[in-house]
Protein backbone atom coordinates (compact mmCIF):
# COMPACT_ATOMS: atom_id res chain seq x y z
CA MET A 1 -10.34 -17.63 14.58
CA ASN A 2 -12.01 -15.34 12.03
CA ALA A 3 -10.58 -14.73 8.58
CA ALA A 4 -9.20 -11.27 9.37
CA ALA A 5 -7.27 -12.56 12.40
CA SER A 6 -5.11 -14.72 10.11
CA ARG A 7 -3.75 -11.73 8.18
CA PRO A 8 -2.34 -8.28 9.00
CA PHE A 9 -4.47 -5.27 9.80
CA VAL A 10 -4.34 -3.43 6.46
CA LEU A 11 -4.25 0.35 6.14
CA MET A 12 -4.49 2.08 2.79
CA ASN A 13 -3.18 5.59 2.27
CA LEU A 14 -3.83 7.75 -0.78
CA ALA A 15 -4.28 11.32 -1.94
CA VAL A 16 -6.93 12.23 -4.51
CA SER A 17 -7.70 15.35 -6.47
CA ALA A 18 -11.03 17.15 -6.00
CA ASP A 19 -12.37 15.19 -8.98
CA GLY A 20 -11.25 11.85 -7.57
CA LYS A 21 -8.06 11.19 -9.57
CA ILE A 22 -4.74 9.85 -8.31
CA ALA A 23 -2.72 10.85 -11.39
CA SER A 24 -3.10 12.72 -14.65
CA ALA A 25 -4.29 10.88 -17.75
CA ASP A 26 -0.73 10.58 -19.09
CA ARG A 27 0.61 9.82 -15.59
CA SER A 28 3.02 12.72 -15.77
CA ILE A 29 1.48 13.91 -12.48
CA THR A 30 1.49 11.17 -9.86
CA THR A 31 2.20 13.07 -6.65
CA PHE A 32 0.42 16.25 -5.65
CA GLY A 33 -0.14 16.25 -1.89
CA SER A 34 1.32 18.91 0.39
CA PRO A 35 4.33 18.46 2.69
CA ARG A 36 1.82 17.77 5.48
CA ASP A 37 0.30 14.95 3.43
CA LEU A 38 3.76 13.47 2.90
CA ALA A 39 4.49 13.78 6.62
CA HIS A 40 1.30 11.83 7.33
CA LEU A 41 2.50 9.07 5.01
CA TYR A 42 5.78 8.82 6.92
CA GLU A 43 3.86 8.79 10.22
CA LEU A 44 1.86 5.80 9.01
CA ARG A 45 4.99 4.02 7.77
CA ALA A 46 6.49 4.39 11.24
CA THR A 47 3.65 2.26 12.64
CA ALA A 48 3.76 -0.53 10.03
CA ASP A 49 5.58 -3.85 9.97
CA ALA A 50 5.43 -3.88 6.17
CA ILE A 51 4.61 -1.62 3.21
CA LEU A 52 2.82 -2.93 0.13
CA CYS A 53 2.98 -1.22 -3.27
CA GLY A 54 2.39 -1.98 -6.93
CA ALA A 55 5.38 -2.17 -9.24
CA ARG A 56 4.06 0.49 -11.61
CA THR A 57 3.62 2.96 -8.77
CA ILE A 58 7.20 2.32 -7.66
CA GLU A 59 8.44 3.02 -11.19
CA GLU A 60 6.36 6.17 -11.65
CA THR A 61 7.02 7.80 -8.29
CA GLY A 62 10.52 6.56 -7.49
CA ALA A 63 9.33 5.51 -4.03
CA THR A 64 11.72 3.40 -1.95
CA LEU A 65 9.25 2.51 0.85
CA GLY A 66 11.64 3.39 3.62
CA ASN A 67 11.37 5.49 6.76
CA GLY A 68 11.63 8.79 4.92
CA PRO A 69 13.98 11.55 6.11
CA ASP A 70 15.64 10.33 9.31
CA PRO A 71 18.99 12.08 9.69
CA ASP A 72 19.17 11.61 13.46
CA GLY A 73 17.73 8.10 13.57
CA SER A 74 14.66 9.19 15.54
CA VAL A 75 12.26 7.23 13.31
CA ARG A 76 14.29 4.05 13.75
CA ARG A 77 14.27 4.54 17.51
CA GLN A 78 10.54 5.19 17.44
CA ARG A 79 10.00 1.97 15.52
CA LYS A 80 12.10 0.01 18.00
CA ARG A 81 10.08 1.41 20.92
CA ARG A 82 6.97 0.09 19.18
CA GLY A 83 8.52 -3.34 18.90
CA LEU A 84 9.07 -3.00 15.14
CA ALA A 85 12.10 -3.70 13.00
CA GLU A 86 14.40 -0.75 12.29
CA PHE A 87 13.05 -0.56 8.72
CA PRO A 88 9.72 -1.84 7.39
CA LEU A 89 9.55 -4.95 5.24
CA ARG A 90 8.91 -3.84 1.64
CA VAL A 91 6.52 -5.83 -0.54
CA LEU A 92 6.07 -5.20 -4.26
CA VAL A 93 3.26 -6.61 -6.39
CA SER A 94 3.91 -7.48 -10.04
CA GLY A 95 2.00 -10.28 -11.74
CA THR A 96 4.69 -10.82 -14.37
CA GLY A 97 7.67 -9.70 -12.29
CA SER A 98 8.37 -6.91 -14.76
CA ILE A 99 9.96 -4.19 -12.64
CA ASN A 100 12.45 -1.58 -13.83
CA ARG A 101 15.84 -2.85 -12.69
CA THR A 102 17.12 0.72 -12.32
CA ALA A 103 14.30 1.91 -10.03
CA PRO A 104 15.62 3.60 -6.86
CA ILE A 105 14.04 0.95 -4.63
CA TRP A 106 16.78 -1.53 -5.57
CA SER A 107 19.61 0.64 -4.29
CA ALA A 108 18.00 2.40 -1.33
CA PRO A 109 19.25 1.31 2.11
CA SER A 110 16.11 0.02 3.78
CA GLY A 111 14.26 -3.10 4.87
CA PRO A 112 14.11 -6.52 3.18
CA LEU A 113 12.28 -6.70 -0.14
CA ILE A 114 9.72 -9.29 -1.23
CA VAL A 115 8.24 -9.35 -4.73
CA LEU A 116 4.85 -11.04 -5.21
CA VAL A 117 4.43 -12.49 -8.70
CA GLY A 118 1.93 -14.71 -10.49
CA ASN A 119 2.68 -18.00 -12.18
CA ALA A 120 3.22 -16.15 -15.47
CA ALA A 121 6.53 -14.79 -14.15
CA SER A 122 9.28 -16.78 -15.87
CA ALA A 123 12.11 -18.50 -14.06
CA SER A 124 14.62 -16.09 -15.61
CA THR A 125 12.60 -13.13 -14.40
CA ARG A 126 12.44 -14.54 -10.90
CA ASP A 127 16.17 -15.21 -10.95
CA ALA A 128 16.84 -11.62 -12.03
CA LEU A 129 14.74 -10.28 -9.15
CA GLN A 130 16.58 -12.49 -6.69
CA ALA A 131 19.91 -11.30 -8.09
CA LEU A 132 18.81 -7.76 -7.22
CA GLY A 133 18.32 -8.81 -3.62
CA ALA A 134 14.60 -9.58 -3.53
CA GLU A 135 12.85 -12.64 -2.21
CA VAL A 136 10.27 -13.79 -4.76
CA TRP A 137 6.92 -15.28 -3.74
CA ARG A 138 5.09 -16.90 -6.65
CA SER A 139 1.33 -17.40 -6.61
CA ALA A 140 -0.16 -20.58 -8.00
CA ARG A 141 -2.42 -18.61 -10.32
CA ARG A 142 -1.74 -16.12 -13.11
CA GLY A 143 -2.36 -13.07 -10.95
CA VAL A 144 -1.10 -12.47 -7.45
CA ASP A 145 -3.19 -14.11 -4.75
CA LEU A 146 -3.23 -11.24 -2.27
CA ARG A 147 -5.24 -13.04 0.38
CA ASP A 148 -2.75 -15.90 0.43
CA ALA A 149 0.23 -13.51 0.36
CA LEU A 150 -1.07 -11.48 3.30
CA ALA A 151 -1.74 -14.62 5.31
CA ARG A 152 1.79 -15.80 4.57
CA LEU A 153 3.27 -12.44 5.61
CA HIS A 154 1.37 -12.72 8.87
CA ARG A 155 2.32 -16.34 9.43
CA GLU A 156 5.96 -16.38 8.30
CA ARG A 157 7.11 -12.80 8.88
CA GLY A 158 4.95 -11.81 11.83
CA VAL A 159 3.41 -8.87 9.96
CA GLN A 160 0.60 -7.50 12.10
CA ARG A 161 0.15 -4.11 10.51
CA LEU A 162 0.57 -3.51 6.78
CA LEU A 163 0.39 -0.19 4.93
CA SER A 164 -0.68 -0.25 1.27
CA GLU A 165 0.34 2.69 -0.93
CA GLY A 166 -1.32 1.91 -4.28
CA GLY A 167 -1.71 2.29 -7.14
CA GLY A 168 -5.25 2.04 -8.40
CA GLN A 169 -5.14 -1.56 -9.60
CA LEU A 170 -3.66 -2.84 -6.35
CA ASN A 171 -6.13 -0.75 -4.36
CA ALA A 172 -9.00 -2.25 -6.34
CA ALA A 173 -7.73 -5.81 -5.90
CA LEU A 174 -7.43 -5.35 -2.14
CA LEU A 175 -10.87 -3.77 -1.93
CA GLU A 176 -12.55 -6.44 -4.05
CA ALA A 177 -10.97 -9.13 -1.85
CA ASP A 178 -12.18 -7.20 1.23
CA LEU A 179 -8.67 -7.00 2.66
CA VAL A 180 -8.65 -3.32 3.69
CA ASP A 181 -9.47 -2.38 7.29
CA GLU A 182 -8.68 1.33 7.41
CA LEU A 183 -8.53 3.99 4.70
CA HIS A 184 -6.56 7.23 5.04
CA LEU A 185 -7.69 9.67 2.36
CA THR A 186 -6.35 13.14 1.60
CA HIS A 187 -8.54 15.36 -0.58
CA CYS A 188 -6.33 17.83 -2.48
CA PRO A 189 -7.59 21.16 -3.92
CA LEU A 190 -6.93 20.63 -7.61
CA ILE A 191 -8.78 19.18 -10.59
CA LEU A 192 -6.86 16.95 -13.00
CA GLY A 193 -9.68 15.91 -15.31
CA GLY A 194 -9.33 13.35 -18.06
CA ARG A 195 -11.67 10.52 -18.92
CA THR A 196 -8.84 8.00 -18.71
CA ALA A 197 -7.05 9.47 -15.69
CA PRO A 198 -6.57 6.74 -13.07
CA SER A 199 -8.89 6.65 -10.09
CA PRO A 200 -8.11 5.31 -6.60
CA PHE A 201 -9.75 1.99 -7.47
CA ASP A 202 -9.22 0.91 -11.07
CA GLY A 203 -10.59 -2.61 -10.94
CA VAL A 204 -13.89 -4.04 -12.10
CA GLY A 205 -15.78 -2.48 -9.24
CA PHE A 206 -19.09 -3.46 -7.70
CA PRO A 207 -21.96 -3.63 -10.22
CA LYS A 208 -24.68 -3.30 -7.57
CA LEU A 209 -25.02 -0.75 -4.79
CA ALA A 210 -25.85 -3.52 -2.35
CA GLU A 211 -22.42 -5.06 -3.01
CA ALA A 212 -20.48 -1.88 -2.20
CA THR A 213 -18.29 -2.05 0.90
CA GLN A 214 -19.45 0.00 3.88
CA TRP A 215 -17.19 2.33 5.83
CA ARG A 216 -17.41 4.49 8.94
CA GLN A 217 -15.66 7.84 9.14
CA VAL A 218 -13.61 8.04 12.33
CA LEU A 219 -11.67 11.22 11.69
CA ALA A 220 -11.97 14.29 9.46
CA ARG A 221 -10.06 17.53 9.64
CA SER A 222 -8.89 20.32 7.38
CA ILE A 223 -5.29 21.47 7.39
CA GLY A 224 -4.61 24.33 5.01
CA ASN A 225 -6.45 23.60 1.79
CA GLU A 226 -6.43 19.84 2.24
CA ARG A 227 -9.01 17.63 3.89
CA PHE A 228 -7.78 14.55 5.77
CA ALA A 229 -10.19 11.72 6.52
CA VAL A 230 -9.91 8.26 8.04
CA TYR A 231 -12.48 5.52 7.42
CA ARG A 232 -12.85 2.13 9.11
CA ARG A 233 -14.30 -0.86 7.30
CA GLU A 234 -17.60 -2.02 8.77
CA ARG A 235 -18.09 -5.78 8.74
CA LYS A 236 -20.95 -7.69 10.28
CA ASP A 237 -19.10 -10.97 10.73
CA GLU A 238 -15.89 -9.86 12.40
CA SER A 239 -14.20 -7.18 14.41
CA ARG A 240 -10.63 -5.90 14.16
CA PRO A 241 -9.42 -3.38 16.76
CA GLY A 242 -6.62 -1.92 14.63
CA THR A 243 -4.61 -0.94 17.64
CA GLN A 244 -0.96 -0.17 17.08
CA ARG A 245 1.88 -1.22 19.29
CA GLY A 246 3.78 1.18 21.47
């Protein structure tokens, strides 16, 4: 069995400005895609066993990682036809476990919630998260071991398809660990500017061009003023079909 077969197929979805930013420098602007871009996000969620997101992104955007608008239950029925749970499993990443206790995600009716923390998260912090209804998974190291967490989600929760929704630090960590299989990217027609404005991948990065990950574009289309593109990770040592159930 190759390494990728022991973890979920990972999709990453994000919208970027024309100058490659995902938020303004002061983070007052964190969402700027069109209604069609948002609909695409919900379409992807409907195919995923689990949704992964960084704690800071949850706090800044108020996301609840649910099915989105579903007044007639059609999304839940669609998920069931695909062999999925009624709501996706929600997975938050926070090295210290510091998450705003009043964030909407704690009160939204949706799927189970797991919080991934590092060993720096105190016992009292973990207890507080559990009191809010979350299951806490603690990594053995200071930061969150994403490779181990994804393998555990696959092994213990049967997660086959996982959607990651950012932010930049989580994106970078997944990319640097080579855990992303498919990238959904929306190019939006605005320029945010700002030397310190966050980019899609805010980690250390790859110092040499030869170390950069290689991708293959499998879809590109323009809808209105936005450009939607899908890229597949190209690996020499393994192959992942990325097929979805249903």
